[in-house]
């Protein structure tokens, strides 16, 4: 390993990260598909950051390992990539099975709020709502492209969540060492 920390011996096996990535990916999927919970992502992608934080936190606590900030960012970013794929898959299944578009009610709420705040722009918000609620015809290429784009957009935010998890845990460790 090129980036060995003092705690790690050469050749020491690291625990698998697949379950942690799955945990973070599922958290991201939930915050991007559950009605009204999707609103949390209107605040600087907070749900996606939370997913990266959750996956990284789970991995560190479950396996009692130390991660540096780069490793935490990578683990969180993997959660973001997985979350993007799961979100698009869940959205497609909900659209096909129940004619429900995840996040639509949140967009409607935001558009209604925007038209009240700026009445002179009400026509623009109505056009936006019409575009968003128009019937959708998806091809396999559209779905794959959506998965790739979502994963690429979610990855840096979830990676930030991973770094935040390490920062918080390191701070807690320092505080507990000072009080002991």
N, C-alpha and C. Protein backbone atom coordinates (compact mmCIF):
# COMPACT_ATOMS: atom_id res chain seq x y z
N UNK A 1 0.84 -1.19 0.00
CA UNK A 1 0.00 0.00 0.00
C UNK A 1 0.88 1.24 0.00
N UNK A 2 0.55 2.16 -0.87
CA UNK A 2 1.35 3.36 -0.96
C UNK A 2 1.06 4.32 0.18
N UNK A 3 -0.16 4.34 0.67
CA UNK A 3 -0.52 5.30 1.72
C UNK A 3 -0.76 4.59 3.05
N UNK A 4 0.28 3.93 3.55
CA UNK A 4 0.13 3.24 4.82
C UNK A 4 0.17 4.25 5.96
N UNK A 5 -0.68 4.06 6.91
CA UNK A 5 -0.65 4.88 8.11
C UNK A 5 0.19 4.16 9.15
N UNK A 6 0.64 4.86 10.18
CA UNK A 6 1.47 4.22 11.20
C UNK A 6 0.78 3.04 11.87
N UNK A 7 -0.56 3.01 11.89
CA UNK A 7 -1.29 1.93 12.54
C UNK A 7 -1.27 0.65 11.72
N UNK A 8 -1.03 0.74 10.46
CA UNK A 8 -1.13 -0.41 9.57
C UNK A 8 0.24 -1.00 9.32
N UNK A 9 0.31 -2.29 9.38
CA UNK A 9 1.53 -3.00 9.05
C UNK A 9 1.45 -3.39 7.57
N UNK A 10 2.61 -3.50 6.95
CA UNK A 10 2.64 -3.91 5.55
C UNK A 10 2.00 -5.29 5.41
N UNK A 11 1.15 -5.46 4.45
CA UNK A 11 0.51 -6.73 4.20
C UNK A 11 -0.73 -6.99 5.04
N UNK A 12 -1.05 -6.11 5.97
CA UNK A 12 -2.24 -6.30 6.82
C UNK A 12 -3.48 -6.10 5.98
N UNK A 13 -4.42 -7.04 6.07
CA UNK A 13 -5.65 -6.97 5.27
C UNK A 13 -6.61 -5.96 5.86
N UNK A 14 -7.21 -5.20 4.98
CA UNK A 14 -8.23 -4.25 5.39
C UNK A 14 -9.59 -4.91 5.24
N UNK A 15 -10.51 -4.62 6.15
CA UNK A 15 -11.85 -5.20 6.01
C UNK A 15 -12.53 -4.68 4.75
N UNK A 16 -13.40 -5.50 4.19
CA UNK A 16 -14.12 -5.12 2.98
C UNK A 16 -15.02 -3.92 3.21
N UNK A 17 -15.18 -3.15 2.18
CA UNK A 17 -15.98 -1.93 2.27
C UNK A 17 -17.33 -2.07 1.58
N UNK A 18 -17.62 -3.24 1.03
CA UNK A 18 -18.84 -3.41 0.25
C UNK A 18 -20.10 -3.13 1.07
N UNK A 19 -20.15 -3.62 2.29
CA UNK A 19 -21.35 -3.40 3.12
C UNK A 19 -21.48 -1.92 3.46
N UNK A 20 -20.36 -1.26 3.75
CA UNK A 20 -20.40 0.17 4.04
C UNK A 20 -20.89 0.97 2.83
N UNK A 21 -20.42 0.60 1.65
CA UNK A 21 -20.87 1.27 0.42
C UNK A 21 -22.36 1.04 0.22
N UNK A 22 -22.81 -0.17 0.50
CA UNK A 22 -24.24 -0.47 0.38
C UNK A 22 -25.06 0.35 1.37
N UNK A 23 -24.59 0.46 2.61
CA UNK A 23 -25.29 1.27 3.62
C UNK A 23 -25.41 2.71 3.15
N UNK A 24 -24.29 3.29 2.72
CA UNK A 24 -24.32 4.68 2.24
C UNK A 24 -25.18 4.84 1.01
N UNK A 25 -25.11 3.88 0.09
CA UNK A 25 -25.91 3.94 -1.14
C UNK A 25 -27.40 3.89 -0.85
N UNK A 26 -27.79 3.03 0.08
CA UNK A 26 -29.21 2.93 0.45
C UNK A 26 -29.68 4.22 1.12
N UNK A 27 -28.84 4.80 1.97
CA UNK A 27 -29.22 6.08 2.60
C UNK A 27 -29.44 7.15 1.53
N UNK A 28 -28.57 7.19 0.55
CA UNK A 28 -28.72 8.16 -0.54
C UNK A 28 -29.98 7.89 -1.33
N UNK A 29 -30.22 6.62 -1.65
CA UNK A 29 -31.43 6.27 -2.39
C UNK A 29 -32.68 6.72 -1.62
N UNK A 30 -32.69 6.50 -0.32
CA UNK A 30 -33.85 6.88 0.48
C UNK A 30 -34.06 8.39 0.47
N UNK A 31 -32.97 9.16 0.57
CA UNK A 31 -33.13 10.62 0.60
C UNK A 31 -33.41 11.21 -0.77
N UNK A 32 -33.32 10.39 -1.81
CA UNK A 32 -33.63 10.90 -3.15
C UNK A 32 -34.91 10.30 -3.72
N UNK A 33 -35.58 9.41 -2.98
CA UNK A 33 -36.81 8.81 -3.52
C UNK A 33 -38.01 8.90 -2.59
N UNK A 34 -37.82 9.00 -1.29
CA UNK A 34 -38.96 9.04 -0.37
C UNK A 34 -39.63 10.41 -0.44
N UNK A 35 -40.96 10.43 -0.64
CA UNK A 35 -41.66 11.71 -0.75
C UNK A 35 -41.36 12.64 0.44
N UNK A 36 -41.14 13.87 0.12
CA UNK A 36 -40.85 14.96 1.05
C UNK A 36 -39.50 14.84 1.73
N UNK A 37 -38.96 13.64 1.89
CA UNK A 37 -37.59 13.51 2.39
C UNK A 37 -36.61 14.02 1.34
N UNK A 38 -37.04 13.99 0.09
CA UNK A 38 -36.19 14.50 -0.98
C UNK A 38 -35.90 15.99 -0.81
N UNK A 39 -36.74 16.68 -0.08
CA UNK A 39 -36.52 18.11 0.16
C UNK A 39 -35.20 18.39 0.89
N UNK A 40 -34.73 17.42 1.66
CA UNK A 40 -33.49 17.63 2.41
C UNK A 40 -32.33 17.89 1.44
N UNK A 41 -32.42 17.38 0.23
CA UNK A 41 -31.36 17.60 -0.76
C UNK A 41 -31.40 18.98 -1.38
N UNK A 42 -32.47 19.72 -1.13
CA UNK A 42 -32.51 21.11 -1.59
C UNK A 42 -31.54 21.97 -0.79
N UNK A 43 -31.11 21.48 0.35
CA UNK A 43 -30.16 22.19 1.21
C UNK A 43 -28.76 21.65 0.97
N UNK A 44 -28.17 22.06 -0.12
CA UNK A 44 -26.80 21.69 -0.48
C UNK A 44 -26.56 20.18 -0.47
N UNK A 45 -27.48 19.42 -1.02
CA UNK A 45 -27.36 17.97 -1.13
C UNK A 45 -27.13 17.30 0.22
N UNK A 46 -27.80 17.78 1.25
CA UNK A 46 -27.59 17.29 2.61
C UNK A 46 -27.85 15.79 2.74
N UNK A 47 -28.85 15.26 2.07
CA UNK A 47 -29.13 13.83 2.15
C UNK A 47 -28.03 12.99 1.53
N UNK A 48 -27.43 13.49 0.48
CA UNK A 48 -26.35 12.76 -0.19
C UNK A 48 -25.09 12.82 0.67
N UNK A 49 -24.82 13.97 1.25
CA UNK A 49 -23.70 14.10 2.19
C UNK A 49 -23.91 13.15 3.36
N UNK A 50 -25.14 13.09 3.86
CA UNK A 50 -25.47 12.19 4.97
C UNK A 50 -25.23 10.73 4.58
N UNK A 51 -25.54 10.36 3.36
CA UNK A 51 -25.30 8.99 2.90
C UNK A 51 -23.82 8.64 2.92
N UNK A 52 -22.98 9.54 2.42
CA UNK A 52 -21.53 9.32 2.47
C UNK A 52 -21.01 9.26 3.89
N UNK A 53 -21.56 10.13 4.74
CA UNK A 53 -21.20 10.11 6.16
C UNK A 53 -21.60 8.79 6.80
N UNK A 54 -22.82 8.34 6.53
CA UNK A 54 -23.33 7.12 7.13
C UNK A 54 -22.54 5.89 6.74
N UNK A 55 -22.22 5.77 5.45
CA UNK A 55 -21.44 4.62 5.00
C UNK A 55 -20.04 4.60 5.61
N UNK A 56 -19.40 5.76 5.66
CA UNK A 56 -18.06 5.85 6.23
C UNK A 56 -18.09 5.61 7.74
N UNK A 57 -19.03 6.23 8.40
CA UNK A 57 -19.17 6.06 9.86
C UNK A 57 -19.41 4.58 10.18
N UNK A 58 -20.29 3.93 9.43
CA UNK A 58 -20.58 2.51 9.65
C UNK A 58 -19.30 1.69 9.52
N UNK A 59 -18.53 1.94 8.47
CA UNK A 59 -17.30 1.17 8.22
C UNK A 59 -16.30 1.36 9.37
N UNK A 60 -16.09 2.59 9.79
CA UNK A 60 -15.11 2.87 10.83
C UNK A 60 -15.53 2.23 12.16
N UNK A 61 -16.77 2.41 12.54
CA UNK A 61 -17.25 1.89 13.82
C UNK A 61 -17.36 0.37 13.80
N UNK A 62 -17.87 -0.18 12.71
CA UNK A 62 -18.06 -1.63 12.61
C UNK A 62 -16.75 -2.39 12.65
N UNK A 63 -15.75 -1.88 11.94
CA UNK A 63 -14.48 -2.59 11.82
C UNK A 63 -13.39 -2.01 12.71
N UNK A 64 -13.69 -0.93 13.42
CA UNK A 64 -12.71 -0.29 14.31
C UNK A 64 -11.40 -0.02 13.58
N UNK A 65 -11.52 0.66 12.43
CA UNK A 65 -10.34 1.02 11.63
C UNK A 65 -10.21 2.53 11.59
N UNK A 66 -9.02 2.96 11.30
CA UNK A 66 -8.77 4.39 11.10
C UNK A 66 -8.66 4.64 9.61
N UNK A 67 -9.30 5.67 9.18
CA UNK A 67 -9.19 6.09 7.78
C UNK A 67 -8.64 7.49 7.75
N UNK A 68 -7.77 7.76 6.79
CA UNK A 68 -7.36 9.15 6.62
C UNK A 68 -8.41 9.85 5.76
N UNK A 69 -8.25 11.14 5.59
CA UNK A 69 -9.28 11.90 4.88
C UNK A 69 -9.44 11.46 3.43
N UNK A 70 -8.36 11.09 2.78
CA UNK A 70 -8.45 10.63 1.39
C UNK A 70 -9.22 9.32 1.26
N UNK A 71 -8.94 8.38 2.16
CA UNK A 71 -9.65 7.11 2.14
C UNK A 71 -11.13 7.31 2.45
N UNK A 72 -11.41 8.22 3.38
CA UNK A 72 -12.81 8.50 3.74
C UNK A 72 -13.54 9.14 2.56
N UNK A 73 -12.86 10.04 1.85
CA UNK A 73 -13.48 10.67 0.68
C UNK A 73 -13.78 9.62 -0.38
N UNK A 74 -12.82 8.71 -0.60
CA UNK A 74 -13.03 7.67 -1.61
C UNK A 74 -14.19 6.75 -1.21
N UNK A 75 -14.25 6.36 0.04
CA UNK A 75 -15.34 5.50 0.50
C UNK A 75 -16.68 6.23 0.35
N UNK A 76 -16.74 7.49 0.75
CA UNK A 76 -17.97 8.26 0.58
C UNK A 76 -18.34 8.42 -0.89
N UNK A 77 -17.34 8.65 -1.73
CA UNK A 77 -17.60 8.80 -3.17
C UNK A 77 -18.16 7.51 -3.76
N UNK A 78 -17.66 6.37 -3.30
CA UNK A 78 -18.22 5.09 -3.76
C UNK A 78 -19.68 4.96 -3.33
N UNK A 79 -19.98 5.44 -2.13
CA UNK A 79 -21.39 5.47 -1.68
C UNK A 79 -22.22 6.35 -2.62
N UNK A 80 -21.65 7.47 -3.04
CA UNK A 80 -22.35 8.37 -3.96
C UNK A 80 -22.59 7.72 -5.31
N UNK A 81 -21.59 7.02 -5.83
CA UNK A 81 -21.77 6.33 -7.12
C UNK A 81 -22.85 5.26 -6.99
N UNK A 82 -22.76 4.48 -5.94
CA UNK A 82 -23.78 3.44 -5.73
C UNK A 82 -25.15 4.03 -5.48
N UNK A 83 -25.19 5.12 -4.74
CA UNK A 83 -26.46 5.79 -4.47
C UNK A 83 -27.09 6.34 -5.73
N UNK A 84 -26.27 6.85 -6.65
CA UNK A 84 -26.79 7.33 -7.92
C UNK A 84 -27.42 6.21 -8.73
N UNK A 85 -26.76 5.07 -8.76
CA UNK A 85 -27.29 3.91 -9.50
C UNK A 85 -28.59 3.43 -8.85
N UNK A 86 -28.57 3.26 -7.52
CA UNK A 86 -29.78 2.79 -6.83
C UNK A 86 -30.94 3.78 -6.97
N UNK A 87 -30.64 5.07 -6.90
CA UNK A 87 -31.69 6.09 -7.02
C UNK A 87 -32.37 6.04 -8.38
N UNK A 88 -31.58 5.91 -9.43
CA UNK A 88 -32.15 5.85 -10.77
C UNK A 88 -32.95 4.57 -10.94
N UNK A 89 -32.42 3.44 -10.44
CA UNK A 89 -33.15 2.18 -10.54
C UNK A 89 -34.48 2.28 -9.79
N UNK A 90 -34.45 2.80 -8.57
CA UNK A 90 -35.67 2.93 -7.78
C UNK A 90 -36.65 3.88 -8.47
N UNK A 91 -36.14 4.99 -8.98
CA UNK A 91 -36.99 5.94 -9.68
C UNK A 91 -37.66 5.33 -10.90
N UNK A 92 -36.90 4.55 -11.66
CA UNK A 92 -37.45 3.89 -12.83
C UNK A 92 -38.53 2.88 -12.43
N UNK A 93 -38.25 2.08 -11.41
CA UNK A 93 -39.23 1.09 -10.96
C UNK A 93 -40.50 1.76 -10.44
N UNK A 94 -40.35 2.87 -9.73
CA UNK A 94 -41.52 3.60 -9.23
C UNK A 94 -42.30 4.23 -10.38
N UNK A 95 -41.60 4.72 -11.39
CA UNK A 95 -42.27 5.33 -12.54
C UNK A 95 -43.03 4.28 -13.34
N UNK A 96 -42.40 3.16 -13.60
CA UNK A 96 -43.04 2.11 -14.39
C UNK A 96 -44.14 1.41 -13.59
N UNK A 97 -43.87 1.09 -12.35
CA UNK A 97 -44.81 0.31 -11.55
C UNK A 97 -45.97 1.10 -10.98
N UNK A 98 -45.71 2.36 -10.59
CA UNK A 98 -46.74 3.14 -9.88
C UNK A 98 -47.01 4.50 -10.51
N UNK A 99 -46.38 4.80 -11.64
CA UNK A 99 -46.51 6.10 -12.30
C UNK A 99 -46.19 7.24 -11.32
N UNK A 100 -45.18 7.02 -10.49
CA UNK A 100 -44.74 8.00 -9.50
C UNK A 100 -43.31 8.42 -9.81
N UNK A 101 -43.08 9.71 -9.82
CA UNK A 101 -41.74 10.25 -10.04
C UNK A 101 -41.19 10.75 -8.70
N UNK A 102 -40.14 10.11 -8.19
CA UNK A 102 -39.56 10.57 -6.93
C UNK A 102 -39.13 12.03 -7.01
N UNK A 103 -39.47 12.76 -5.99
CA UNK A 103 -39.06 14.16 -5.91
C UNK A 103 -40.02 15.13 -6.56
N UNK A 104 -41.04 14.62 -7.28
CA UNK A 104 -41.95 15.50 -7.99
C UNK A 104 -42.72 16.40 -7.03
N UNK A 105 -43.20 15.82 -5.91
CA UNK A 105 -43.96 16.64 -4.97
C UNK A 105 -43.08 17.74 -4.36
N UNK A 106 -41.80 17.46 -4.21
CA UNK A 106 -40.88 18.48 -3.69
C UNK A 106 -40.71 19.61 -4.70
N UNK A 107 -40.58 19.25 -5.97
CA UNK A 107 -40.46 20.28 -7.00
C UNK A 107 -41.72 21.12 -7.09
N UNK A 108 -42.88 20.48 -6.97
CA UNK A 108 -44.15 21.21 -6.99
C UNK A 108 -44.20 22.19 -5.82
N UNK A 109 -43.83 21.74 -4.63
CA UNK A 109 -43.82 22.63 -3.47
C UNK A 109 -42.87 23.80 -3.67
N UNK A 110 -41.67 23.52 -4.19
CA UNK A 110 -40.70 24.59 -4.41
C UNK A 110 -41.19 25.57 -5.48
N UNK A 111 -41.83 25.05 -6.53
CA UNK A 111 -42.34 25.93 -7.59
C UNK A 111 -43.48 26.79 -7.07
N UNK A 112 -44.37 26.21 -6.27
CA UNK A 112 -45.47 26.99 -5.68
C UNK A 112 -44.92 28.07 -4.75
N UNK A 113 -43.93 27.70 -3.96
CA UNK A 113 -43.31 28.67 -3.06
C UNK A 113 -42.64 29.79 -3.88
N UNK A 114 -41.93 29.40 -4.93
CA UNK A 114 -41.26 30.39 -5.77
C UNK A 114 -42.22 31.34 -6.45
N UNK A 115 -43.38 30.81 -6.88
CA UNK A 115 -44.35 31.70 -7.55
C UNK A 115 -45.00 32.66 -6.56
N UNK A 116 -45.07 32.27 -5.28
CA UNK A 116 -45.60 33.20 -4.26
C UNK A 116 -44.58 34.26 -3.90
N UNK A 117 -43.31 33.87 -3.86
CA UNK A 117 -42.25 34.81 -3.50
C UNK A 117 -42.05 35.81 -4.63
N UNK A 118 -42.09 35.33 -5.87
CA UNK A 118 -41.88 36.20 -7.02
C UNK A 118 -43.07 36.08 -7.97
N UNK A 119 -44.18 36.76 -7.68
CA UNK A 119 -45.37 36.63 -8.51
C UNK A 119 -45.13 37.00 -9.98
N UNK A 120 -44.20 37.88 -10.24
CA UNK A 120 -43.92 38.26 -11.63
C UNK A 120 -43.30 37.11 -12.43
N UNK A 121 -42.79 36.11 -11.74
CA UNK A 121 -42.19 34.95 -12.39
C UNK A 121 -43.11 33.73 -12.37
N UNK A 122 -44.38 33.90 -12.01
CA UNK A 122 -45.31 32.77 -11.90
C UNK A 122 -45.41 32.00 -13.21
N UNK A 123 -45.38 32.68 -14.34
CA UNK A 123 -45.45 32.02 -15.65
C UNK A 123 -44.26 31.09 -15.86
N UNK A 124 -43.10 31.54 -15.46
CA UNK A 124 -41.89 30.71 -15.59
C UNK A 124 -42.01 29.45 -14.73
N UNK A 125 -42.53 29.60 -13.51
CA UNK A 125 -42.69 28.44 -12.63
C UNK A 125 -43.73 27.47 -13.18
N UNK A 126 -44.80 28.00 -13.81
CA UNK A 126 -45.80 27.12 -14.42
C UNK A 126 -45.19 26.33 -15.57
N UNK A 127 -44.37 26.98 -16.37
CA UNK A 127 -43.69 26.29 -17.47
C UNK A 127 -42.76 25.20 -16.94
N UNK A 128 -42.08 25.52 -15.86
CA UNK A 128 -41.20 24.52 -15.24
C UNK A 128 -42.00 23.31 -14.77
N UNK A 129 -43.13 23.56 -14.13
CA UNK A 129 -43.98 22.46 -13.66
C UNK A 129 -44.50 21.62 -14.81
N UNK A 130 -44.89 22.28 -15.91
CA UNK A 130 -45.38 21.54 -17.08
C UNK A 130 -44.27 20.66 -17.65
N UNK A 131 -43.08 21.19 -17.71
CA UNK A 131 -41.96 20.41 -18.25
C UNK A 131 -41.64 19.22 -17.36
N UNK A 132 -41.69 19.42 -16.06
CA UNK A 132 -41.34 18.35 -15.12
C UNK A 132 -42.42 17.28 -15.05
N UNK A 133 -43.68 17.68 -15.20
CA UNK A 133 -44.78 16.71 -15.08
C UNK A 133 -45.20 16.10 -16.41
N UNK A 134 -44.55 16.47 -17.50
CA UNK A 134 -44.89 15.92 -18.82
C UNK A 134 -44.59 14.41 -18.84
N UNK A 135 -45.33 13.67 -19.65
CA UNK A 135 -45.07 12.22 -19.75
C UNK A 135 -43.63 11.94 -20.18
N UNK A 136 -43.10 10.84 -19.66
CA UNK A 136 -41.70 10.50 -19.91
C UNK A 136 -41.63 9.15 -20.62
N UNK A 137 -40.77 9.10 -21.61
CA UNK A 137 -40.49 7.85 -22.32
C UNK A 137 -38.99 7.61 -22.16
N UNK A 138 -38.62 6.57 -21.42
CA UNK A 138 -37.22 6.30 -21.13
C UNK A 138 -36.71 5.10 -21.92
N UNK A 139 -35.51 5.24 -22.47
CA UNK A 139 -34.85 4.12 -23.12
C UNK A 139 -33.77 3.58 -22.17
N UNK A 140 -33.21 2.44 -22.51
CA UNK A 140 -32.13 1.87 -21.69
C UNK A 140 -30.94 2.82 -21.66
N UNK A 141 -30.67 3.48 -22.79
CA UNK A 141 -29.56 4.44 -22.83
C UNK A 141 -29.83 5.62 -21.89
N UNK A 142 -31.08 6.09 -21.84
CA UNK A 142 -31.44 7.18 -20.92
C UNK A 142 -31.19 6.77 -19.47
N UNK A 143 -31.57 5.56 -19.14
CA UNK A 143 -31.41 5.07 -17.77
C UNK A 143 -29.93 4.95 -17.42
N UNK A 144 -29.15 4.37 -18.31
CA UNK A 144 -27.71 4.23 -18.05
C UNK A 144 -27.04 5.59 -17.94
N UNK A 145 -27.42 6.52 -18.80
CA UNK A 145 -26.85 7.86 -18.73
C UNK A 145 -27.25 8.54 -17.43
N UNK A 146 -28.48 8.36 -17.00
CA UNK A 146 -28.94 8.94 -15.73
C UNK A 146 -28.17 8.36 -14.56
N UNK A 147 -27.92 7.04 -14.60
CA UNK A 147 -27.14 6.41 -13.53
C UNK A 147 -25.74 7.00 -13.47
N UNK A 148 -25.11 7.13 -14.63
CA UNK A 148 -23.75 7.66 -14.67
C UNK A 148 -23.70 9.10 -14.20
N UNK A 149 -24.63 9.92 -14.70
CA UNK A 149 -24.64 11.33 -14.31
C UNK A 149 -24.96 11.51 -12.83
N UNK A 150 -25.95 10.77 -12.33
CA UNK A 150 -26.30 10.86 -10.91
C UNK A 150 -25.12 10.45 -10.05
N UNK A 151 -24.49 9.34 -10.41
CA UNK A 151 -23.33 8.88 -9.64
C UNK A 151 -22.21 9.90 -9.64
N UNK A 152 -21.95 10.53 -10.79
CA UNK A 152 -20.88 11.53 -10.87
C UNK A 152 -21.22 12.78 -10.07
N UNK A 153 -22.50 13.14 -10.03
CA UNK A 153 -22.90 14.32 -9.26
C UNK A 153 -22.91 14.01 -7.76
N UNK A 154 -23.38 12.83 -7.40
CA UNK A 154 -23.48 12.47 -5.99
C UNK A 154 -22.12 12.17 -5.36
N UNK A 155 -21.18 11.62 -6.13
CA UNK A 155 -19.91 11.16 -5.57
C UNK A 155 -19.14 12.23 -4.79
N UNK A 156 -18.93 13.43 -5.31
CA UNK A 156 -18.15 14.40 -4.52
C UNK A 156 -18.87 14.84 -3.24
N UNK A 157 -20.20 14.93 -3.30
CA UNK A 157 -20.94 15.33 -2.10
C UNK A 157 -20.90 14.22 -1.04
N UNK A 158 -21.06 12.98 -1.48
CA UNK A 158 -20.98 11.86 -0.54
C UNK A 158 -19.54 11.71 -0.02
N UNK A 159 -18.56 11.99 -0.87
CA UNK A 159 -17.16 11.97 -0.44
C UNK A 159 -16.92 13.00 0.66
N UNK A 160 -17.52 14.16 0.50
CA UNK A 160 -17.44 15.19 1.55
C UNK A 160 -18.04 14.65 2.85
N UNK A 161 -19.15 13.92 2.74
CA UNK A 161 -19.75 13.31 3.92
C UNK A 161 -18.81 12.33 4.60
N UNK A 162 -18.06 11.56 3.81
CA UNK A 162 -17.07 10.64 4.36
C UNK A 162 -15.99 11.38 5.13
N UNK A 163 -15.53 12.48 4.58
CA UNK A 163 -14.50 13.29 5.27
C UNK A 163 -15.06 13.88 6.56
N UNK A 164 -16.32 14.29 6.52
CA UNK A 164 -16.94 14.85 7.73
C UNK A 164 -17.01 13.79 8.82
N UNK A 165 -17.33 12.54 8.43
CA UNK A 165 -17.39 11.46 9.42
C UNK A 165 -16.04 11.28 10.11
N UNK A 166 -14.95 11.28 9.34
CA UNK A 166 -13.62 11.12 9.93
C UNK A 166 -13.29 12.32 10.81
N UNK A 167 -13.61 13.51 10.35
CA UNK A 167 -13.35 14.71 11.14
C UNK A 167 -14.06 14.64 12.50
N UNK A 168 -15.34 14.27 12.49
CA UNK A 168 -16.11 14.20 13.73
C UNK A 168 -15.54 13.12 14.65
N UNK A 169 -15.25 11.95 14.10
CA UNK A 169 -14.73 10.86 14.93
C UNK A 169 -13.36 11.19 15.50
N UNK A 170 -12.50 11.84 14.73
CA UNK A 170 -11.18 12.25 15.24
C UNK A 170 -11.34 13.29 16.35
N UNK A 171 -12.25 14.20 16.16
CA UNK A 171 -12.49 15.22 17.19
C UNK A 171 -13.01 14.59 18.47
N UNK A 172 -13.94 13.64 18.35
CA UNK A 172 -14.44 12.94 19.51
C UNK A 172 -13.34 12.16 20.22
N UNK A 173 -12.47 11.54 19.46
CA UNK A 173 -11.36 10.77 20.05
C UNK A 173 -10.41 11.69 20.80
N UNK A 174 -10.11 12.87 20.23
CA UNK A 174 -9.24 13.83 20.91
C UNK A 174 -9.87 14.30 22.21
N UNK A 175 -11.18 14.59 22.16
CA UNK A 175 -11.88 15.06 23.35
C UNK A 175 -11.90 14.01 24.44
N UNK A 176 -12.14 12.75 24.07
CA UNK A 176 -12.18 11.69 25.08
C UNK A 176 -10.78 11.41 25.63
N UNK A 177 -9.73 11.60 24.80
CA UNK A 177 -8.36 11.40 25.28
C UNK A 177 -7.98 12.51 26.26
N UNK A 178 -8.48 13.72 26.05
CA UNK A 178 -8.17 14.83 26.94
C UNK A 178 -8.88 14.69 28.29
N UNK A 179 -10.07 14.10 28.29
CA UNK A 179 -10.83 13.96 29.54
C UNK A 179 -10.38 12.74 30.33
N UNK A 180 -9.64 11.80 29.71
CA UNK A 180 -9.21 10.59 30.43
C UNK A 180 -7.96 10.83 31.23
